Protein backbone atom coordinates (compact mmCIF):
# COMPACT_ATOMS: atom_id res chain seq x y z
CA MET A 1 29.81 -7.68 2.04
CA GLU A 2 28.72 -6.98 -1.49
CA SER A 3 25.93 -4.70 -2.61
CA GLU A 4 24.08 -7.89 -3.70
CA ALA A 5 23.37 -8.59 -0.04
CA THR A 6 19.81 -8.43 1.19
CA ILE A 7 18.48 -6.00 3.74
CA LYS A 8 17.91 -8.92 6.14
CA GLU A 9 21.69 -9.38 6.32
CA VAL A 10 22.37 -5.82 7.50
CA MET A 11 19.22 -4.63 9.26
CA THR A 12 18.80 -4.26 12.99
CA ASP A 13 16.28 -6.82 14.22
CA GLY A 14 13.38 -5.45 16.19
CA VAL A 15 12.00 -1.95 16.09
CA ILE A 16 11.78 0.71 18.72
CA ALA A 17 8.52 2.46 18.07
CA VAL A 18 6.24 5.13 19.47
CA GLU A 19 2.47 5.41 19.12
CA LYS A 20 1.39 8.28 16.88
CA ASP A 21 -0.75 9.89 19.60
CA LYS A 22 2.11 10.18 22.12
CA SER A 23 3.64 13.60 22.75
CA VAL A 24 6.99 14.55 21.24
CA VAL A 25 8.30 14.65 24.83
CA ASP A 26 7.53 10.92 25.07
CA ALA A 27 9.32 10.34 21.76
CA ALA A 28 12.34 12.39 22.86
CA LYS A 29 12.59 10.37 26.09
CA ILE A 30 12.61 7.11 24.12
CA LEU A 31 15.27 8.46 21.75
CA ARG A 32 17.46 9.49 24.69
CA GLU A 33 16.94 6.28 26.69
CA GLU A 34 17.67 4.07 23.70
CA GLY A 35 20.55 6.20 22.40
CA ILE A 36 19.07 6.38 18.91
CA ARG A 37 18.16 9.15 16.48
CA GLY A 38 14.89 7.90 15.04
CA LEU A 39 11.73 5.97 15.85
CA VAL A 40 9.16 4.19 13.78
CA VAL A 41 5.71 5.66 14.45
CA VAL A 42 2.91 3.13 14.78
CA ASP A 43 -0.86 3.17 14.92
CA GLN A 44 -2.21 0.00 16.54
CA GLY A 45 1.00 -1.83 15.67
CA GLU A 46 1.13 -0.73 12.02
CA ALA A 47 3.96 1.53 10.86
CA VAL A 48 2.59 4.89 9.72
CA GLY A 49 5.63 7.17 9.84
CA VAL A 50 9.07 7.96 11.16
CA ILE A 51 10.17 10.64 13.61
CA VAL A 52 13.81 11.69 13.90
CA CYS A 53 15.69 14.15 16.11
CA ARG A 54 15.64 16.66 13.28
CA ASP A 55 11.83 16.65 13.35
CA LEU A 56 11.89 17.63 17.02
CA VAL A 57 14.21 20.55 16.34
CA TYR A 58 12.74 21.79 13.05
CA GLU A 59 9.05 21.12 13.65
CA VAL A 60 8.70 21.73 17.37
CA VAL A 61 11.51 23.79 18.89
CA SER A 62 12.13 26.16 15.97
CA LYS A 63 8.39 26.82 15.60
CA GLY A 64 7.86 27.44 19.31
CA LYS A 65 5.40 24.58 19.73
CA ASN A 66 4.76 23.12 23.18
CA PRO A 67 6.39 19.65 23.09
CA LYS A 68 4.04 18.32 25.78
CA GLN A 69 1.01 19.29 23.67
CA THR A 70 2.40 18.34 20.25
CA SER A 71 1.71 14.78 19.14
CA VAL A 72 4.20 12.64 17.31
CA GLU A 73 1.71 12.40 14.44
CA GLU A 74 1.86 16.20 13.93
CA VAL A 75 5.59 16.22 13.19
CA MET A 76 6.43 12.76 11.84
CA SER A 77 7.37 12.06 8.25
CA LYS A 78 4.26 10.47 6.81
CA ASP A 79 5.42 9.32 3.37
CA LEU A 80 6.78 6.09 4.75
CA ILE A 81 9.15 4.06 2.64
CA VAL A 82 9.51 0.47 3.80
CA ALA A 83 11.68 -2.38 2.59
CA GLU A 84 11.00 -6.09 2.41
CA GLU A 85 13.75 -7.99 4.18
CA GLN A 86 14.66 -9.82 0.93
CA GLU A 87 15.22 -6.60 -1.06
CA LEU A 88 18.74 -5.97 -2.25
CA LEU A 89 20.90 -3.68 -0.15
CA ASN A 90 21.90 -1.50 -3.09
CA ASP A 91 18.27 -0.99 -4.19
CA VAL A 92 17.23 0.20 -0.73
CA ALA A 93 20.37 2.33 -0.40
CA MET A 94 19.60 4.08 -3.68
CA ALA A 95 15.99 4.69 -2.59
CA MET A 96 17.31 6.22 0.64
CA ILE A 97 19.59 8.55 -1.31
CA LYS A 98 16.88 9.49 -3.81
CA ASN A 99 14.39 10.28 -1.04
CA ASP A 100 16.96 11.82 1.32
CA ILE A 101 16.08 9.57 4.24
CA SER A 102 18.34 7.97 6.81
CA ARG A 103 16.29 4.99 8.00
CA VAL A 104 13.81 2.55 6.51
CA PRO A 105 11.53 0.18 8.43
CA VAL A 106 11.82 -3.45 7.30
CA VAL A 107 8.81 -5.73 6.93
CA ARG A 108 8.20 -9.43 6.47
CA GLN A 109 4.74 -10.18 5.04
CA ASP A 110 3.50 -6.75 6.20
CA MET A 111 4.83 -7.32 9.74
CA LEU A 112 7.40 -4.85 11.05
CA VAL A 113 10.55 -6.84 11.86
CA GLY A 114 13.46 -4.38 11.86
CA ILE A 115 15.02 -1.20 10.62
CA VAL A 116 17.90 -0.39 8.32
CA THR A 117 19.82 2.87 8.65
CA GLN A 118 22.47 4.58 6.57
CA SER A 119 24.97 3.46 9.22
CA ASP A 120 23.95 -0.19 8.73
CA ILE A 121 24.44 0.18 5.00
CA LEU A 122 27.81 1.94 5.40
CA ARG A 123 29.12 -0.92 7.57
CA ALA A 124 28.05 -3.52 5.00
CA TRP A 125 28.74 -1.63 1.79
CA PRO A 126 31.65 0.83 1.95
CA GLY A 127 30.90 1.92 -1.63
CA PHE A 128 27.76 3.61 -0.29
CA ALA A 129 29.94 6.31 1.30
CA GLU A 130 31.39 7.16 -2.11
CA ILE A 131 27.92 7.47 -3.61
CA MET A 132 26.83 9.76 -0.76
CA GLU A 133 29.96 11.89 -1.27
CA GLU A 134 29.35 12.11 -5.02
CA LYS A 135 25.73 13.10 -4.38
CA GLY A 136 26.92 15.93 -2.13
CA GLU A 137 29.43 17.13 -4.71
CA LEU A 138 26.82 17.04 -7.45
CA GLU A 139 24.39 19.04 -5.34
CA GLN A 140 27.03 21.69 -4.66
CA ALA A 141 27.99 21.96 -8.32
CA ALA A 142 24.43 21.79 -9.61
CA THR A 143 22.91 24.66 -11.49
CA PRO A 144 19.94 26.39 -9.85
CA ARG A 145 16.95 24.10 -9.42
CA GLU A 146 13.87 24.38 -11.56
CA THR A 147 11.07 26.51 -10.20
CA MET A 148 8.88 23.44 -9.56
CA THR A 149 10.05 19.88 -9.14
CA SER A 150 9.29 16.73 -7.18
CA GLY A 151 11.34 15.80 -4.17
CA VAL A 152 11.65 15.94 -0.40
CA CYS A 153 10.55 19.10 1.40
CA GLU A 154 13.47 20.52 3.40
CA ASP A 155 11.10 21.61 6.18
CA CYS A 156 8.74 18.67 6.83
CA GLU A 157 10.93 16.07 5.04
CA ASN A 158 7.91 14.63 3.21
CA TYR A 159 7.97 13.79 -0.48
CA SER A 160 5.95 16.08 -2.76
CA GLU A 161 5.35 16.32 -6.50
CA ASP A 162 5.41 20.12 -6.10
CA VAL A 163 8.56 21.30 -4.32
CA ARG A 164 9.58 24.92 -4.92
CA GLU A 165 12.33 27.17 -3.63
CA VAL A 166 11.28 29.66 -0.95
CA ASN A 167 13.88 31.63 1.00
CA GLY A 168 16.61 29.24 -0.12
CA MET A 169 14.71 26.09 0.91
CA GLN A 170 12.87 23.53 -1.22
CA LEU A 171 9.34 23.43 0.24
CA CYS A 172 6.12 21.50 -0.39
CA PRO A 173 2.82 23.39 -0.77
CA GLU A 174 1.84 22.92 2.90
CA CYS A 175 5.13 24.33 4.19
CA ARG A 176 5.10 27.19 1.64
CA ASP A 177 1.68 28.17 2.96
CA SER A 178 2.84 28.03 6.59
CA PRO A 179 2.78 31.41 8.38
CA ASP A 180 6.45 30.86 9.32
CA GLN A 181 7.57 31.12 5.68
């Protein structure tokens, strides 16, 4: 399949979701039962975020939070990037790389209809793997990052216009101000 394919051609139909007010234990159970690594977070049926296994480890376990008392909304990635099902595969793939995300909910006329993951894209567009490899090589060979830049926070995984290096991690203002840093 060429990179001129649309997201509709490679996405997984249907979405496994969790309500934002559920506990992270509820989310973890769904992840385990479904054998997946990420869920779309919804509020009254509308997508409002994404929660992935990494969020459970980095935002709950490593910070000593009680998973039964921590809501999905507290640890989900809130800067949601969605794709229309008619968008081109390569455009969405590049947005995923740029924003360092592994899954994107897919909508049709503002209705959630599916999800596309890096794995879906890799199966359809083998050239994506080369781009990901080149990105990794460039990051390793890159000169030190500027003091302040925009990008994805390595702690909360949210996009910020003000990401700065703290203790070897690129962090947004909220995570820099966290008592754990």
